[in-house]
Amino acid sequence: NPEDPRNWGYTHSIAMIRDIFGSRMFPLTLAGLEGATKQLSRKH
């Protein structure tokens, strides 16, 4: 998500996506991309 995570609660469309993806939503930063990559590489 390109928006700052501190602002995610203030946008209705982001809140809807966050409800769907839960903790699997990451900011579009190097740390966020690293977290997303780690999440995708985990076996469920």
PDB file of N, CA and C in Angstrom:
ATOM      1  N   ASN A   1       0.842  -1.167   0.000  1.00  0.00           N
ATOM      2  CA  ASN A   1       0.000   0.000   0.000  1.00  0.00           C
ATOM      3  C   ASN A   1       0.894   1.239   0.000  1.00  0.00           C
ATOM      4  N   PRO A   2       0.723   2.144  -0.932  1.00  0.00           N
ATOM      5  CA  PRO A   2       1.575   3.329  -0.992  1.00  0.00           C
ATOM      6  C   PRO A   2       1.259   4.376   0.078  1.00  0.00           C
ATOM      7  N   GLU A   3       0.095   4.291   0.713  1.00  0.00           N
ATOM      8  CA  GLU A   3      -0.252   5.246   1.770  1.00  0.00           C
ATOM      9  C   GLU A   3       0.516   4.929   3.049  1.00  0.00           C
ATOM     10  N   ASP A   4       0.793   5.945   3.835  1.00  0.00           N
ATOM     11  CA  ASP A   4       1.435   5.766   5.133  1.00  0.00           C
ATOM     12  C   ASP A   4       0.530   4.912   6.024  1.00  0.00           C
ATOM     13  N   PRO A   5       1.060   3.854   6.655  1.00  0.00           N
ATOM     14  CA  PRO A   5       0.229   2.983   7.495  1.00  0.00           C
ATOM     15  C   PRO A   5      -0.526   3.727   8.597  1.00  0.00           C
ATOM     16  N   ARG A   6      -0.004   4.865   9.038  1.00  0.00           N
ATOM     17  CA  ARG A   6      -0.705   5.649  10.069  1.00  0.00           C
ATOM     18  C   ARG A   6      -2.026   6.204   9.546  1.00  0.00           C
ATOM     19  N   ASN A   7      -2.174   6.289   8.229  1.00  0.00           N
ATOM     20  CA  ASN A   7      -3.390   6.841   7.633  1.00  0.00           C
ATOM     21  C   ASN A   7      -4.365   5.778   7.144  1.00  0.00           C
ATOM     22  N   TRP A   8      -4.023   4.505   7.279  1.00  0.00           N
ATOM     23  CA  TRP A   8      -4.857   3.438   6.739  1.00  0.00           C
ATOM     24  C   TRP A   8      -6.248   3.421   7.344  1.00  0.00           C
ATOM     25  N   GLY A   9      -6.405   3.836   8.574  1.00  0.00           N
ATOM     26  CA  GLY A   9      -7.710   3.808   9.226  1.00  0.00           C
ATOM     27  C   GLY A   9      -8.645   4.926   8.799  1.00  0.00           C
ATOM     28  N   TYR A  10      -8.155   5.875   8.027  1.00  0.00           N
ATOM     29  CA  TYR A  10      -8.958   7.041   7.662  1.00  0.00           C
ATOM     30  C   TYR A  10      -9.538   6.982   6.250  1.00  0.00           C
ATOM     31  N   THR A  11      -9.201   5.948   5.495  1.00  0.00           N
ATOM     32  CA  THR A  11      -9.687   5.818   4.123  1.00  0.00           C
ATOM     33  C   THR A  11     -10.561   4.575   4.024  1.00  0.00           C
ATOM     34  N   HIS A  12     -11.803   4.762   3.589  1.00  0.00           N
ATOM     35  CA  HIS A  12     -12.767   3.666   3.570  1.00  0.00           C
ATOM     36  C   HIS A  12     -12.306   2.502   2.694  1.00  0.00           C
ATOM     37  N   SER A  13     -11.790   2.796   1.512  1.00  0.00           N
ATOM     38  CA  SER A  13     -11.383   1.703   0.615  1.00  0.00           C
ATOM     39  C   SER A  13     -10.202   0.925   1.193  1.00  0.00           C
ATOM     40  N   ILE A  14      -9.269   1.616   1.843  1.00  0.00           N
ATOM     41  CA  ILE A  14      -8.143   0.923   2.469  1.00  0.00           C
ATOM     42  C   ILE A  14      -8.642   0.074   3.627  1.00  0.00           C
ATOM     43  N   ALA A  15      -9.583   0.584   4.395  1.00  0.00           N
ATOM     44  CA  ALA A  15     -10.154  -0.185   5.508  1.00  0.00           C
ATOM     45  C   ALA A  15     -10.837  -1.450   5.000  1.00  0.00           C
ATOM     46  N   MET A  16     -11.528  -1.359   3.875  1.00  0.00           N
ATOM     47  CA  MET A  16     -12.190  -2.536   3.305  1.00  0.00           C
ATOM     48  C   MET A  16     -11.158  -3.587   2.883  1.00  0.00           C
ATOM     49  N   ILE A  17     -10.097  -3.145   2.234  1.00  0.00           N
ATOM     50  CA  ILE A  17      -9.045  -4.072   1.809  1.00  0.00           C
ATOM     51  C   ILE A  17      -8.347  -4.668   3.024  1.00  0.00           C
ATOM     52  N   ARG A  18      -8.128  -3.850   4.041  1.00  0.00           N
ATOM     53  CA  ARG A  18      -7.490  -4.334   5.264  1.00  0.00           C
ATOM     54  C   ARG A  18      -8.350  -5.395   5.944  1.00  0.00           C
ATOM     55  N   ASP A  19      -9.656  -5.234   5.906  1.00  0.00           N
ATOM     56  CA  ASP A  19     -10.557  -6.247   6.465  1.00  0.00           C
ATOM     57  C   ASP A  19     -10.409  -7.577   5.730  1.00  0.00           C
ATOM     58  N   ILE A  20     -10.208  -7.509   4.434  1.00  0.00           N
ATOM     59  CA  ILE A  20     -10.071  -8.730   3.632  1.00  0.00           C
ATOM     60  C   ILE A  20      -8.710  -9.389   3.861  1.00  0.00           C
ATOM     61  N   PHE A  21      -7.646  -8.599   3.810  1.00  0.00           N
ATOM     62  CA  PHE A  21      -6.300  -9.157   3.883  1.00  0.00           C
ATOM     63  C   PHE A  21      -5.745  -9.245   5.296  1.00  0.00           C
ATOM     64  N   GLY A  22      -6.336  -8.543   6.233  1.00  0.00           N
ATOM     65  CA  GLY A  22      -5.887  -8.606   7.620  1.00  0.00           C
ATOM     66  C   GLY A  22      -4.439  -8.202   7.781  1.00  0.00           C
ATOM     67  N   SER A  23      -3.678  -9.043   8.456  1.00  0.00           N
ATOM     68  CA  SER A  23      -2.279  -8.720   8.749  1.00  0.00           C
ATOM     69  C   SER A  23      -1.369  -8.910   7.539  1.00  0.00           C
ATOM     70  N   ARG A  24      -1.940  -9.248   6.398  1.00  0.00           N
ATOM     71  CA  ARG A  24      -1.128  -9.464   5.191  1.00  0.00           C
ATOM     72  C   ARG A  24      -1.034  -8.214   4.326  1.00  0.00           C
ATOM     73  N   MET A  25      -1.346  -7.060   4.867  1.00  0.00           N
ATOM     74  CA  MET A  25      -1.238  -5.815   4.120  1.00  0.00           C
ATOM     75  C   MET A  25       0.040  -5.100   4.569  1.00  0.00           C
ATOM     76  N   PHE A  26       0.858  -4.685   3.615  1.00  0.00           N
ATOM     77  CA  PHE A  26       2.159  -4.116   3.917  1.00  0.00           C
ATOM     78  C   PHE A  26       2.321  -2.770   3.217  1.00  0.00           C
ATOM     79  N   PRO A  27       3.087  -1.848   3.834  1.00  0.00           N
ATOM     80  CA  PRO A  27       3.348  -0.564   3.182  1.00  0.00           C
ATOM     81  C   PRO A  27       4.329  -0.739   2.021  1.00  0.00           C
ATOM     82  N   LEU A  28       4.296   0.173   1.094  1.00  0.00           N
ATOM     83  CA  LEU A  28       5.184   0.124  -0.067  1.00  0.00           C
ATOM     84  C   LEU A  28       6.500   0.821   0.292  1.00  0.00           C
ATOM     85  N   THR A  29       7.255   0.151   1.147  1.00  0.00           N
ATOM     86  CA  THR A  29       8.584   0.592   1.571  1.00  0.00           C
ATOM     87  C   THR A  29       9.502  -0.619   1.469  1.00  0.00           C
ATOM     88  N   LEU A  30      10.796  -0.413   1.650  1.00  0.00           N
ATOM     89  CA  LEU A  30      11.707  -1.558   1.620  1.00  0.00           C
ATOM     90  C   LEU A  30      11.367  -2.552   2.726  1.00  0.00           C
ATOM     91  N   ALA A  31      11.093  -2.046   3.924  1.00  0.00           N
ATOM     92  CA  ALA A  31      10.730  -2.929   5.038  1.00  0.00           C
ATOM     93  C   ALA A  31       9.402  -3.626   4.764  1.00  0.00           C
ATOM     94  N   GLY A  32       8.460  -2.905   4.177  1.00  0.00           N
ATOM     95  CA  GLY A  32       7.171  -3.497   3.848  1.00  0.00           C
ATOM     96  C   GLY A  32       7.290  -4.573   2.787  1.00  0.00           C
ATOM     97  N   LEU A  33       8.107  -4.317   1.776  1.00  0.00           N
ATOM     98  CA  LEU A  33       8.330  -5.324   0.732  1.00  0.00           C
ATOM     99  C   LEU A  33       9.029  -6.554   1.296  1.00  0.00           C
ATOM    100  N   GLU A  34       9.952  -6.337   2.221  1.00  0.00           N
ATOM    101  CA  GLU A  34      10.625  -7.468   2.864  1.00  0.00           C
ATOM    102  C   GLU A  34       9.619  -8.286   3.676  1.00  0.00           C
ATOM    103  N   GLY A  35       8.757  -7.598   4.425  1.00  0.00           N
ATOM    104  CA  GLY A  35       7.735  -8.299   5.200  1.00  0.00           C
ATOM    105  C   GLY A  35       6.767  -9.066   4.318  1.00  0.00           C
ATOM    106  N   ALA A  36       6.379  -8.468   3.212  1.00  0.00           N
ATOM    107  CA  ALA A  36       5.462  -9.133   2.282  1.00  0.00           C
ATOM    108  C   ALA A  36       6.119 -10.365   1.665  1.00  0.00           C
ATOM    109  N   THR A  37       7.396 -10.244   1.311  1.00  0.00           N
ATOM    110  CA  THR A  37       8.121 -11.378   0.740  1.00  0.00           C
ATOM    111  C   THR A  37       8.221 -12.514   1.747  1.00  0.00           C
ATOM    112  N   LYS A  38       8.509 -12.187   3.002  1.00  0.00           N
ATOM    113  CA  LYS A  38       8.579 -13.217   4.045  1.00  0.00           C
ATOM    114  C   LYS A  38       7.219 -13.882   4.236  1.00  0.00           C
ATOM    115  N   GLN A  39       6.163 -13.074   4.222  1.00  0.00           N
ATOM    116  CA  GLN A  39       4.811 -13.618   4.384  1.00  0.00           C
ATOM    117  C   GLN A  39       4.471 -14.568   3.241  1.00  0.00           C
ATOM    118  N   LEU A  40       4.823 -14.195   2.024  1.00  0.00           N
ATOM    119  CA  LEU A  40       4.525 -15.035   0.866  1.00  0.00           C
ATOM    120  C   LEU A  40       5.334 -16.329   0.854  1.00  0.00           C
ATOM    121  N   SER A  41       6.522 -16.301   1.445  1.00  0.00           N
ATOM    122  CA  SER A  41       7.370 -17.494   1.425  1.00  0.00           C
ATOM    123  C   SER A  41       7.017 -18.495   2.522  1.00  0.00           C
ATOM    124  N   ARG A  42       6.161 -18.112   3.469  1.00  0.00           N
ATOM    125  CA  ARG A  42       5.745 -19.031   4.537  1.00  0.00           C
ATOM    126  C   ARG A  42       4.780 -20.065   3.988  1.00  0.00           C
ATOM    127  N   LYS A  43       4.905 -21.269   4.510  1.00  0.00           N
ATOM    128  CA  LYS A  43       3.952 -22.321   4.146  1.00  0.00           C
ATOM    129  C   LYS A  43       2.786 -22.260   5.111  1.00  0.00           C
ATOM    130  N   HIS A  44       1.577 -22.369   4.576  1.00  0.00           N
ATOM    131  CA  HIS A  44       0.375 -22.298   5.422  1.00  0.00           C
ATOM    132  C   HIS A  44      -0.219 -23.657   5.598  1.00  0.00           C
TER     133      HIS A  44
END
